[in-house]
Structures are given as structure tokens and as C-alpha cells.
Protein backbone atom coordinates (compact mmCIF):
# COMPACT_ATOMS: atom_id res chain seq x y z
CA MET A 1 143.62 139.75 98.91
CA MET A 2 145.22 138.74 102.47
CA PHE A 3 146.11 134.90 103.23
CA GLU A 4 144.47 134.04 106.63
CA ARG A 5 146.86 131.84 108.76
CA TYR A 6 146.24 130.46 112.37
CA ALA A 7 148.59 130.67 114.92
CA LYS A 8 149.16 130.11 118.53
CA CYS A 9 151.11 132.54 120.10
CA PRO A 10 154.18 131.37 121.72
CA VAL A 11 154.26 134.48 124.39
CA CYS A 12 150.63 134.47 125.55
CA GLU A 13 149.37 130.97 124.21
CA LYS A 14 146.30 132.56 122.74
CA ARG A 15 145.17 131.23 119.17
CA THR A 16 145.09 134.02 116.74
CA VAL A 17 144.23 134.51 113.05
CA LEU A 18 147.15 136.17 111.05
CA LYS A 19 146.54 138.29 107.65
CA VAL A 20 149.49 137.78 105.69
CA PRO A 21 149.39 139.77 102.80
CA PRO A 22 150.61 137.59 99.48
CA ASP A 23 153.47 140.30 98.31
CA VAL A 24 155.24 139.54 101.68
CA ILE A 25 157.18 136.84 100.39
CA LYS A 26 158.11 138.68 96.99
CA LYS A 27 161.19 140.46 98.67
CA ALA A 28 162.53 136.81 100.08
CA SER A 29 165.49 135.86 98.91
CA ARG A 30 165.58 132.37 100.70
CA PHE A 31 162.94 130.25 102.40
CA PRO A 32 161.86 129.88 104.97
CA TYR A 33 161.37 133.54 105.25
CA THR A 34 160.99 134.90 108.95
CA VAL A 35 158.55 137.67 109.61
CA LYS A 36 158.22 139.47 112.84
CA VAL A 37 154.39 139.61 113.93
CA LYS A 38 152.91 142.14 116.50
CA HIS A 39 150.26 140.38 118.93
CA GLU A 40 148.41 142.50 121.45
CA ASP A 41 151.47 144.11 123.65
CA HIS A 42 153.91 141.84 122.34
CA TYR A 43 155.41 139.98 119.34
CA PHE A 44 156.68 136.87 117.95
CA TYR A 45 158.28 135.44 114.69
CA ILE A 46 156.93 133.15 111.88
CA ASN A 47 158.61 131.33 109.28
CA LEU A 48 156.76 131.41 105.79
CA ASP A 49 157.59 129.09 102.77
CA SER A 50 157.35 130.22 99.20
CA GLN A 51 153.63 129.81 99.24
CA ALA A 52 153.09 131.88 102.16
CA TRP A 53 152.42 129.09 104.46
CA ILE A 54 153.68 129.20 108.15
CA THR A 55 156.41 126.39 108.71
CA ASP A 56 157.48 127.61 112.05
CA ILE A 57 156.23 129.61 114.88
CA LEU A 58 159.05 131.17 117.02
CA HIS A 59 159.23 132.79 120.41
CA PRO A 60 161.27 135.96 120.34
CA ASP A 61 163.69 134.37 122.65
CA MET A 62 164.79 132.02 119.95
CA VAL A 63 165.33 134.89 117.20
CA GLU A 64 166.82 137.73 118.98
């Protein structure tokens, strides 16, 4: 079962539903855990806590 999380894309400003697999945080060695999200023709990053809740939504310029 996927977790559904809502986020506003920092690149295009569209609200989107993210389907986060619950096992994505199993490989995390520390939190928040940063995940790259593909959205339309671009991408952005989200930070997840230990319960797979979004703690931050980041523009690629802030991460790279």
C-alpha cells in the first residue's frame, strides 16, 4: 500500500499527489531522508521523516 502525500511543486507551482511507497524509508540511515521526485518534465526533492511524512519540499537549486 502506498502512502498518499500532497505537495505543491516548487518548480511549476502545481499541487500534486505523491504516492510514497512505505518501504522507501527502510534504507534511510538518518532523518530527514531526501527523495528525488520526478514531476512532469522536471523534478524536485522532498524530505521524509521516519513515518514517511513530508517535512520539506525543496527546489532542485537548493539541493544540487
